[in-house]
C-alpha cells in the first residue's frame, strides 16, 4: 500500500521504482519457495496494477508485464484468474498489437507460457 501511495502514475520514474521494489519483494518470496502472506491485499494490488497496465509508458508497461511473467506462479489462483481475464479482455488488442516490440513480445510470452500453461 505504501509503495502505491508514494507513486504517481504520471511520473514514470516513481512507477519504475515501485515495480523494482515489487520485483525485489516477489523475488525473495520466490527464491525461498514461500507463498505470498495471507495478509497480502490482492484487491489493492490489482487496482494499482490495473492503473499501471492501462498507462501509456512502454517501459513501465513492459516491466509490469515482466513482473507478472516472472512471478505468475506464486500468486493466488483467484488473482491469476482476475489478472488473466483483465489482460484477455480490456487490454488484449492494445497489448497484443502494441507498437513496442518488447511489450508485445512479453505479452505474447505471458499469454502462451504462463496463462495458457496454468489453465
N, C-alpha and C. Protein backbone atom coordinates (compact mmCIF):
# COMPACT_ATOMS: atom_id res chain seq x y z
N UNK A 1 0.82 -1.20 0.00
CA UNK A 1 0.00 0.00 0.00
C UNK A 1 0.86 1.26 0.00
N UNK A 2 1.89 1.23 0.80
CA UNK A 2 2.74 2.40 0.92
C UNK A 2 3.41 2.70 -0.42
N UNK A 3 3.88 1.66 -1.10
CA UNK A 3 4.53 1.87 -2.39
C UNK A 3 3.59 2.50 -3.39
N UNK A 4 2.37 2.03 -3.43
CA UNK A 4 1.37 2.59 -4.36
C UNK A 4 1.06 4.04 -4.02
N UNK A 5 0.94 4.33 -2.74
CA UNK A 5 0.59 5.69 -2.33
C UNK A 5 1.72 6.68 -2.61
N UNK A 6 2.95 6.19 -2.63
CA UNK A 6 4.09 7.06 -2.89
C UNK A 6 4.35 7.24 -4.39
N UNK A 7 3.62 6.52 -5.23
CA UNK A 7 3.84 6.56 -6.67
C UNK A 7 2.80 7.43 -7.36
N UNK A 8 3.23 8.02 -8.47
CA UNK A 8 2.35 8.84 -9.28
C UNK A 8 2.34 8.24 -10.68
N UNK A 9 1.16 7.92 -11.17
CA UNK A 9 1.04 7.26 -12.47
C UNK A 9 1.59 8.12 -13.60
N UNK A 10 1.63 9.41 -13.42
CA UNK A 10 2.15 10.31 -14.45
C UNK A 10 3.66 10.51 -14.37
N UNK A 11 4.27 9.97 -13.32
CA UNK A 11 5.72 10.05 -13.14
C UNK A 11 6.31 8.66 -13.38
N UNK A 12 6.87 8.47 -14.56
CA UNK A 12 7.36 7.13 -14.92
C UNK A 12 8.48 6.67 -13.98
N UNK A 13 9.27 7.59 -13.47
CA UNK A 13 10.35 7.22 -12.55
C UNK A 13 9.81 6.58 -11.28
N UNK A 14 8.73 7.14 -10.72
CA UNK A 14 8.17 6.56 -9.50
C UNK A 14 7.52 5.21 -9.77
N UNK A 15 6.93 5.04 -10.95
CA UNK A 15 6.33 3.74 -11.30
C UNK A 15 7.42 2.69 -11.48
N UNK A 16 8.51 3.06 -12.11
CA UNK A 16 9.61 2.12 -12.28
C UNK A 16 10.23 1.73 -10.94
N UNK A 17 10.35 2.68 -10.02
CA UNK A 17 10.84 2.36 -8.67
C UNK A 17 9.87 1.41 -7.96
N UNK A 18 8.58 1.69 -8.08
CA UNK A 18 7.56 0.82 -7.49
C UNK A 18 7.71 -0.60 -8.02
N UNK A 19 7.86 -0.73 -9.33
CA UNK A 19 7.99 -2.06 -9.92
C UNK A 19 9.29 -2.74 -9.50
N UNK A 20 10.34 -1.97 -9.31
CA UNK A 20 11.60 -2.55 -8.80
C UNK A 20 11.43 -3.10 -7.40
N UNK A 21 10.76 -2.36 -6.54
CA UNK A 21 10.52 -2.83 -5.17
C UNK A 21 9.60 -4.05 -5.14
N UNK A 22 8.58 -4.05 -5.98
CA UNK A 22 7.69 -5.21 -6.06
C UNK A 22 8.45 -6.43 -6.57
N UNK A 23 9.31 -6.22 -7.55
CA UNK A 23 10.13 -7.30 -8.09
C UNK A 23 11.03 -7.88 -7.00
N UNK A 24 11.64 -7.02 -6.22
CA UNK A 24 12.50 -7.46 -5.13
C UNK A 24 11.71 -8.27 -4.10
N UNK A 25 10.56 -7.76 -3.70
CA UNK A 25 9.70 -8.44 -2.73
C UNK A 25 9.29 -9.82 -3.23
N UNK A 26 8.82 -9.88 -4.47
CA UNK A 26 8.34 -11.15 -5.02
C UNK A 26 9.50 -12.11 -5.31
N UNK A 27 10.67 -11.58 -5.66
CA UNK A 27 11.83 -12.44 -5.91
C UNK A 27 12.28 -13.15 -4.64
N UNK A 28 12.26 -12.43 -3.53
CA UNK A 28 12.65 -13.04 -2.25
C UNK A 28 11.69 -14.17 -1.89
N UNK A 29 10.41 -13.93 -2.06
CA UNK A 29 9.41 -14.97 -1.79
C UNK A 29 9.63 -16.17 -2.70
N UNK A 30 9.86 -15.90 -3.97
CA UNK A 30 10.04 -16.96 -4.96
C UNK A 30 11.30 -17.77 -4.70
N UNK A 31 12.41 -17.11 -4.39
CA UNK A 31 13.68 -17.80 -4.17
C UNK A 31 13.65 -18.68 -2.93
N UNK A 32 12.89 -18.27 -1.93
CA UNK A 32 12.82 -19.05 -0.69
C UNK A 32 11.69 -20.08 -0.73
N UNK A 33 11.07 -20.24 -1.89
CA UNK A 33 9.98 -21.20 -2.08
C UNK A 33 8.86 -21.02 -1.06
N UNK A 34 8.51 -19.79 -0.83
CA UNK A 34 7.44 -19.47 0.10
C UNK A 34 6.22 -19.00 -0.69
N UNK A 35 5.14 -18.86 0.02
CA UNK A 35 3.92 -18.32 -0.60
C UNK A 35 3.74 -16.88 -0.15
N UNK A 36 2.99 -16.14 -0.92
CA UNK A 36 2.70 -14.76 -0.54
C UNK A 36 1.88 -14.80 0.74
N UNK A 37 2.20 -13.95 1.72
CA UNK A 37 1.48 -13.97 3.01
C UNK A 37 -0.03 -13.81 2.82
N UNK A 38 -0.77 -14.43 3.70
CA UNK A 38 -2.23 -14.37 3.61
C UNK A 38 -2.76 -12.97 3.88
N UNK A 39 -1.95 -12.13 4.50
CA UNK A 39 -2.37 -10.76 4.78
C UNK A 39 -2.18 -9.84 3.57
N UNK A 40 -1.60 -10.35 2.50
CA UNK A 40 -1.37 -9.56 1.29
C UNK A 40 -2.72 -9.14 0.70
N UNK A 41 -2.87 -7.86 0.44
CA UNK A 41 -4.12 -7.32 -0.08
C UNK A 41 -4.13 -7.38 -1.60
N UNK A 42 -4.63 -8.49 -2.15
CA UNK A 42 -4.67 -8.68 -3.59
C UNK A 42 -5.56 -7.66 -4.28
N UNK A 43 -6.67 -7.27 -3.65
CA UNK A 43 -7.57 -6.30 -4.28
C UNK A 43 -6.88 -4.96 -4.51
N UNK A 44 -6.18 -4.49 -3.52
CA UNK A 44 -5.46 -3.22 -3.63
C UNK A 44 -4.33 -3.34 -4.66
N UNK A 45 -3.62 -4.45 -4.61
CA UNK A 45 -2.55 -4.72 -5.56
C UNK A 45 -3.09 -4.73 -6.98
N UNK A 46 -4.23 -5.38 -7.18
CA UNK A 46 -4.84 -5.48 -8.50
C UNK A 46 -5.29 -4.11 -9.01
N UNK A 47 -5.88 -3.30 -8.14
CA UNK A 47 -6.31 -1.95 -8.54
C UNK A 47 -5.13 -1.13 -9.03
N UNK A 48 -4.05 -1.14 -8.28
CA UNK A 48 -2.86 -0.39 -8.66
C UNK A 48 -2.21 -0.93 -9.92
N UNK A 49 -2.19 -2.24 -10.05
CA UNK A 49 -1.58 -2.87 -11.22
C UNK A 49 -2.39 -2.57 -12.47
N UNK A 50 -3.71 -2.51 -12.34
CA UNK A 50 -4.56 -2.16 -13.48
C UNK A 50 -4.24 -0.76 -13.97
N UNK A 51 -4.01 0.16 -13.06
CA UNK A 51 -3.68 1.53 -13.44
C UNK A 51 -2.36 1.56 -14.21
N UNK A 52 -1.39 0.79 -13.75
CA UNK A 52 -0.10 0.74 -14.44
C UNK A 52 -0.26 0.13 -15.83
N UNK A 53 -1.03 -0.96 -15.92
CA UNK A 53 -1.21 -1.63 -17.21
C UNK A 53 -2.02 -0.81 -18.20
N UNK A 54 -2.85 0.07 -17.70
CA UNK A 54 -3.63 0.94 -18.58
C UNK A 54 -2.85 2.19 -18.98
N UNK A 55 -1.68 2.37 -18.40
CA UNK A 55 -0.85 3.53 -18.71
C UNK A 55 -0.25 3.45 -20.10
N UNK A 56 0.43 4.51 -20.48
CA UNK A 56 0.96 4.57 -21.85
C UNK A 56 2.48 4.52 -21.92
N UNK A 57 3.16 4.53 -20.79
CA UNK A 57 4.63 4.50 -20.80
C UNK A 57 5.09 3.07 -21.07
N UNK A 58 5.72 2.86 -22.22
CA UNK A 58 6.01 1.49 -22.64
C UNK A 58 7.04 0.79 -21.75
N UNK A 59 7.97 1.53 -21.17
CA UNK A 59 8.97 0.88 -20.32
C UNK A 59 8.33 0.35 -19.04
N UNK A 60 7.48 1.14 -18.41
CA UNK A 60 6.82 0.66 -17.19
C UNK A 60 5.79 -0.42 -17.52
N UNK A 61 5.17 -0.34 -18.68
CA UNK A 61 4.23 -1.38 -19.09
C UNK A 61 4.95 -2.71 -19.31
N UNK A 62 6.08 -2.65 -19.98
CA UNK A 62 6.87 -3.87 -20.19
C UNK A 62 7.39 -4.45 -18.90
N UNK A 63 7.81 -3.58 -18.00
CA UNK A 63 8.32 -4.03 -16.71
C UNK A 63 7.22 -4.67 -15.86
N UNK A 64 6.02 -4.11 -15.93
CA UNK A 64 4.88 -4.67 -15.19
C UNK A 64 4.51 -6.05 -15.74
N UNK A 65 4.49 -6.17 -17.06
CA UNK A 65 4.19 -7.47 -17.67
C UNK A 65 5.27 -8.50 -17.35
N UNK A 66 6.51 -8.05 -17.33
CA UNK A 66 7.61 -8.94 -16.99
C UNK A 66 7.52 -9.41 -15.54
N UNK A 67 7.11 -8.52 -14.65
CA UNK A 67 6.91 -8.89 -13.25
C UNK A 67 5.84 -9.97 -13.14
N UNK A 68 4.74 -9.79 -13.88
CA UNK A 68 3.69 -10.82 -13.89
C UNK A 68 4.22 -12.14 -14.44
N UNK A 69 4.98 -12.06 -15.51
CA UNK A 69 5.54 -13.26 -16.13
C UNK A 69 6.46 -14.01 -15.16
N UNK A 70 7.35 -13.28 -14.51
CA UNK A 70 8.34 -13.90 -13.62
C UNK A 70 7.73 -14.51 -12.37
N UNK A 71 6.63 -13.94 -11.88
CA UNK A 71 6.10 -14.38 -10.59
C UNK A 71 4.66 -14.87 -10.66
N UNK A 72 4.20 -15.22 -11.83
CA UNK A 72 2.81 -15.65 -12.02
C UNK A 72 2.48 -16.86 -11.15
N UNK A 73 3.44 -17.75 -10.99
CA UNK A 73 3.20 -19.00 -10.25
C UNK A 73 3.02 -18.82 -8.75
N UNK A 74 3.47 -17.71 -8.17
CA UNK A 74 3.34 -17.57 -6.71
C UNK A 74 2.09 -16.81 -6.29
N UNK A 75 1.39 -16.22 -7.26
CA UNK A 75 0.15 -15.52 -6.93
C UNK A 75 -0.96 -16.53 -6.65
N UNK A 76 -1.98 -16.06 -5.94
CA UNK A 76 -3.11 -16.94 -5.64
C UNK A 76 -3.87 -17.26 -6.91
N UNK A 77 -4.59 -18.35 -6.90
CA UNK A 77 -5.39 -18.79 -8.05
C UNK A 77 -6.40 -17.72 -8.45
N UNK A 78 -7.02 -17.09 -7.46
CA UNK A 78 -8.03 -16.06 -7.75
C UNK A 78 -7.40 -14.85 -8.44
N UNK A 79 -6.21 -14.44 -7.97
CA UNK A 79 -5.55 -13.29 -8.59
C UNK A 79 -5.10 -13.63 -10.01
N UNK A 80 -4.57 -14.83 -10.20
CA UNK A 80 -4.15 -15.23 -11.54
C UNK A 80 -5.33 -15.21 -12.50
N UNK A 81 -6.47 -15.68 -12.03
CA UNK A 81 -7.67 -15.67 -12.88
C UNK A 81 -8.11 -14.23 -13.17
N UNK A 82 -8.12 -13.38 -12.15
CA UNK A 82 -8.56 -11.99 -12.33
C UNK A 82 -7.65 -11.23 -13.28
N UNK A 83 -6.35 -11.36 -13.12
CA UNK A 83 -5.41 -10.64 -13.98
C UNK A 83 -5.45 -11.22 -15.39
N UNK A 84 -5.64 -12.52 -15.52
CA UNK A 84 -5.75 -13.13 -16.85
C UNK A 84 -6.98 -12.62 -17.58
N UNK A 85 -8.10 -12.55 -16.90
CA UNK A 85 -9.33 -12.05 -17.53
C UNK A 85 -9.21 -10.57 -17.89
N UNK A 86 -8.53 -9.82 -17.06
CA UNK A 86 -8.32 -8.40 -17.36
C UNK A 86 -7.45 -8.24 -18.61
N UNK A 87 -6.37 -9.02 -18.67
CA UNK A 87 -5.47 -8.93 -19.82
C UNK A 87 -6.12 -9.47 -21.09
N UNK A 88 -6.93 -10.49 -20.96
CA UNK A 88 -7.58 -11.09 -22.14
C UNK A 88 -8.81 -10.30 -22.58
N UNK A 89 -9.29 -9.44 -21.73
CA UNK A 89 -10.47 -8.66 -22.06
C UNK A 89 -10.12 -7.27 -22.53
N UNK A 90 -10.11 -6.36 -21.60
CA UNK A 90 -9.97 -4.94 -21.90
C UNK A 90 -8.67 -4.57 -22.61
N UNK A 91 -7.57 -5.20 -22.26
CA UNK A 91 -6.27 -4.79 -22.78
C UNK A 91 -5.73 -5.68 -23.90
N UNK A 92 -6.47 -6.70 -24.27
CA UNK A 92 -5.92 -7.71 -25.17
C UNK A 92 -5.37 -7.12 -26.47
N UNK A 93 -6.19 -6.45 -27.25
CA UNK A 93 -5.74 -5.97 -28.56
C UNK A 93 -4.69 -4.88 -28.44
N UNK A 94 -4.82 -4.05 -27.42
CA UNK A 94 -3.83 -2.99 -27.22
C UNK A 94 -2.44 -3.56 -26.95
N UNK A 95 -2.37 -4.64 -26.15
CA UNK A 95 -1.08 -5.24 -25.83
C UNK A 95 -0.62 -6.24 -26.89
N UNK A 96 -1.56 -6.98 -27.46
CA UNK A 96 -1.21 -7.98 -28.46
C UNK A 96 -0.62 -7.33 -29.71
N UNK A 97 -1.09 -6.15 -30.05
CA UNK A 97 -0.63 -5.43 -31.23
C UNK A 97 0.15 -4.16 -30.86
N UNK A 98 0.73 -4.14 -29.68
CA UNK A 98 1.41 -2.95 -29.19
C UNK A 98 2.55 -2.54 -30.13
N UNK A 99 2.78 -1.24 -30.26
CA UNK A 99 3.81 -0.73 -31.15
C UNK A 99 5.22 -1.09 -30.69
N UNK A 100 5.41 -1.27 -29.38
CA UNK A 100 6.72 -1.62 -28.85
C UNK A 100 6.95 -3.13 -28.96
N UNK A 101 8.03 -3.49 -29.63
CA UNK A 101 8.36 -4.90 -29.80
C UNK A 101 8.50 -5.61 -28.45
N UNK A 102 9.14 -4.96 -27.48
CA UNK A 102 9.37 -5.57 -26.17
C UNK A 102 8.06 -5.83 -25.44
N UNK A 103 7.18 -4.84 -25.39
CA UNK A 103 5.89 -5.01 -24.71
C UNK A 103 5.09 -6.11 -25.38
N UNK A 104 5.05 -6.08 -26.69
CA UNK A 104 4.29 -7.09 -27.46
C UNK A 104 4.85 -8.50 -27.20
N UNK A 105 6.16 -8.64 -27.22
CA UNK A 105 6.79 -9.95 -27.03
C UNK A 105 6.56 -10.47 -25.61
N UNK A 106 6.72 -9.61 -24.62
CA UNK A 106 6.48 -10.03 -23.23
C UNK A 106 5.03 -10.45 -23.06
N UNK A 107 4.11 -9.69 -23.63
CA UNK A 107 2.70 -10.04 -23.53
C UNK A 107 2.42 -11.38 -24.21
N UNK A 108 2.98 -11.63 -25.38
CA UNK A 108 2.78 -12.91 -26.06
C UNK A 108 3.32 -14.07 -25.22
N UNK A 109 4.50 -13.87 -24.64
CA UNK A 109 5.07 -14.92 -23.80
C UNK A 109 4.23 -15.15 -22.54
N UNK A 110 3.76 -14.07 -21.96
CA UNK A 110 2.90 -14.18 -20.78
C UNK A 110 1.64 -14.97 -21.11
N UNK A 111 1.04 -14.67 -22.26
CA UNK A 111 -0.17 -15.39 -22.67
C UNK A 111 0.10 -16.87 -22.89
N UNK A 112 1.13 -17.15 -23.66
CA UNK A 112 1.36 -18.53 -24.06
C UNK A 112 1.98 -19.37 -22.95
N UNK A 113 3.01 -18.87 -22.31
CA UNK A 113 3.77 -19.69 -21.36
C UNK A 113 3.13 -19.71 -19.98
N UNK A 114 2.65 -18.59 -19.49
CA UNK A 114 2.12 -18.54 -18.13
C UNK A 114 0.61 -18.80 -18.08
N UNK A 115 -0.15 -18.01 -18.81
CA UNK A 115 -1.60 -18.11 -18.71
C UNK A 115 -2.09 -19.39 -19.34
N UNK A 116 -1.62 -19.72 -20.53
CA UNK A 116 -2.06 -20.92 -21.22
C UNK A 116 -1.64 -22.18 -20.48
N UNK A 117 -0.44 -22.21 -19.98
CA UNK A 117 0.08 -23.41 -19.30
C UNK A 117 -0.50 -23.61 -17.90
N UNK A 118 -0.99 -22.52 -17.28
CA UNK A 118 -1.55 -22.67 -15.93
C UNK A 118 -3.02 -23.06 -15.96
N UNK A 119 -3.65 -23.00 -17.13
CA UNK A 119 -5.08 -23.33 -17.23
C UNK A 119 -5.33 -24.79 -17.06
